[in-house]
Amino acid sequence: MSNSSPPRPEPAERWIKSHCQQCFNACGITVQVKDGKPVKIMGDVDDPTTLGHLCARGLSGVA
């Protein structure tokens, strides 16, 4: 008899908050993940420093 529950399937699409590491500013980002792979990066509007804006380097993080 096992006490562990069965694994839950990952949602097909989700958004994850993180920080960009393309330069020293470490801007807040949100990353769209589909089927376990990042497909789009956007600035995090909740980030107090950048207010959702990203530079070209940050926006090109997923190619």
C-alpha atoms as a PDB file:
ATOM      1  CA  MET A   1       0.000   0.000   0.000  1.00  0.00           C
ATOM      2  CA  SER A   2       1.488   3.320  -1.100  1.00  0.00           C
ATOM      3  CA  ASN A   3       0.793   6.691   0.502  1.00  0.00           C
ATOM      4  CA  SER A   4       1.915   8.687  -2.512  1.00  0.00           C
ATOM      5  CA  SER A   5      -0.672  10.135  -4.843  1.00  0.00           C
ATOM      6  CA  PRO A   6      -0.464   9.590  -8.595  1.00  0.00           C
ATOM      7  CA  PRO A   7       1.496  12.251 -10.504  1.00  0.00           C
ATOM      8  CA  ARG A   8      -0.579  15.132 -11.800  1.00  0.00           C
ATOM      9  CA  PRO A   9      -0.250  15.928 -15.489  1.00  0.00           C
ATOM     10  CA  GLU A  10       1.453  19.212 -16.360  1.00  0.00           C
ATOM     11  CA  PRO A  11      -0.840  21.804 -17.925  1.00  0.00           C
ATOM     12  CA  ALA A  12      -0.296  22.202 -21.665  1.00  0.00           C
ATOM     13  CA  GLU A  13       0.359  25.940 -21.258  1.00  0.00           C
ATOM     14  CA  ARG A  14       1.422  28.048 -18.282  1.00  0.00           C
ATOM     15  CA  TRP A  15       3.173  31.317 -17.402  1.00  0.00           C
ATOM     16  CA  ILE A  16       6.131  31.332 -15.003  1.00  0.00           C
ATOM     17  CA  LYS A  17       7.594  34.419 -13.303  1.00  0.00           C
ATOM     18  CA  SER A  18      11.378  34.658 -13.269  1.00  0.00           C
ATOM     19  CA  HIS A  19      14.279  37.064 -13.838  1.00  0.00           C
ATOM     20  CA  CYS A  20      16.159  37.678 -17.079  1.00  0.00           C
ATOM     21  CA  GLN A  21      19.860  36.838 -16.914  1.00  0.00           C
ATOM     22  CA  GLN A  22      20.903  38.332 -20.274  1.00  0.00           C
ATOM     23  CA  CYS A  23      22.600  41.288 -18.515  1.00  0.00           C
ATOM     24  CA  PHE A  24      23.329  42.633 -15.026  1.00  0.00           C
ATOM     25  CA  ASN A  25      19.893  44.289 -14.574  1.00  0.00           C
ATOM     26  CA  ALA A  26      18.028  40.997 -13.909  1.00  0.00           C
ATOM     27  CA  CYS A  27      14.671  42.368 -15.069  1.00  0.00           C
ATOM     28  CA  GLY A  28      11.466  40.631 -14.025  1.00  0.00           C
ATOM     29  CA  ILE A  29       9.994  38.429 -16.762  1.00  0.00           C
ATOM     30  CA  THR A  30       7.110  36.066 -17.346  1.00  0.00           C
ATOM     31  CA  VAL A  31       7.800  33.052 -19.540  1.00  0.00           C
ATOM     32  CA  GLN A  32       5.115  31.219 -21.507  1.00  0.00           C
ATOM     33  CA  VAL A  33       5.760  27.474 -21.380  1.00  0.00           C
ATOM     34  CA  LYS A  34       4.003  25.044 -23.725  1.00  0.00           C
ATOM     35  CA  ASP A  35       4.571  21.310 -23.463  1.00  0.00           C
ATOM     36  CA  GLY A  36       7.515  21.910 -21.121  1.00  0.00           C
ATOM     37  CA  LYS A  37       9.362  24.304 -23.476  1.00  0.00           C
ATOM     38  CA  PRO A  38       9.640  28.109 -23.243  1.00  0.00           C
ATOM     39  CA  VAL A  39       7.997  29.783 -26.227  1.00  0.00           C
ATOM     40  CA  LYS A  40       7.616  33.470 -25.283  1.00  0.00           C
ATOM     41  CA  ILE A  41       9.156  35.979 -22.868  1.00  0.00           C
ATOM     42  CA  MET A  42       7.408  39.142 -21.711  1.00  0.00           C
ATOM     43  CA  GLY A  43       8.288  41.776 -19.152  1.00  0.00           C
ATOM     44  CA  ASP A  44       6.687  41.319 -15.742  1.00  0.00           C
ATOM     45  CA  VAL A  45       4.307  44.224 -15.117  1.00  0.00           C
ATOM     46  CA  ASP A  46       4.617  43.597 -11.361  1.00  0.00           C
ATOM     47  CA  ASP A  47       8.394  44.253 -11.426  1.00  0.00           C
ATOM     48  CA  PRO A  48       8.888  47.620  -9.666  1.00  0.00           C
ATOM     49  CA  THR A  49      12.067  48.461 -11.577  1.00  0.00           C
ATOM     50  CA  THR A  50      11.081  47.813 -15.186  1.00  0.00           C
ATOM     51  CA  LEU A  51       7.267  47.986 -14.979  1.00  0.00           C
ATOM     52  CA  GLY A  52       6.959  45.295 -17.649  1.00  0.00           C
ATOM     53  CA  HIS A  53       9.518  46.672 -20.100  1.00  0.00           C
ATOM     54  CA  LEU A  54      12.367  44.569 -21.492  1.00  0.00           C
ATOM     55  CA  CYS A  55      15.282  45.388 -23.763  1.00  0.00           C
ATOM     56  CA  ALA A  56      15.884  43.616 -27.079  1.00  0.00           C
ATOM     57  CA  ARG A  57      18.320  41.252 -25.400  1.00  0.00           C
ATOM     58  CA  GLY A  58      15.713  40.116 -22.875  1.00  0.00           C
ATOM     59  CA  LEU A  59      12.957  39.805 -25.494  1.00  0.00           C
ATOM     60  CA  SER A  60      15.174  37.576 -27.660  1.00  0.00           C
ATOM     61  CA  GLY A  61      15.859  35.114 -24.836  1.00  0.00           C
ATOM     62  CA  VAL A  62      13.729  32.465 -26.575  1.00  0.00           C
ATOM     63  CA  ALA A  63      14.761  31.929 -30.154  1.00  0.00           C
END
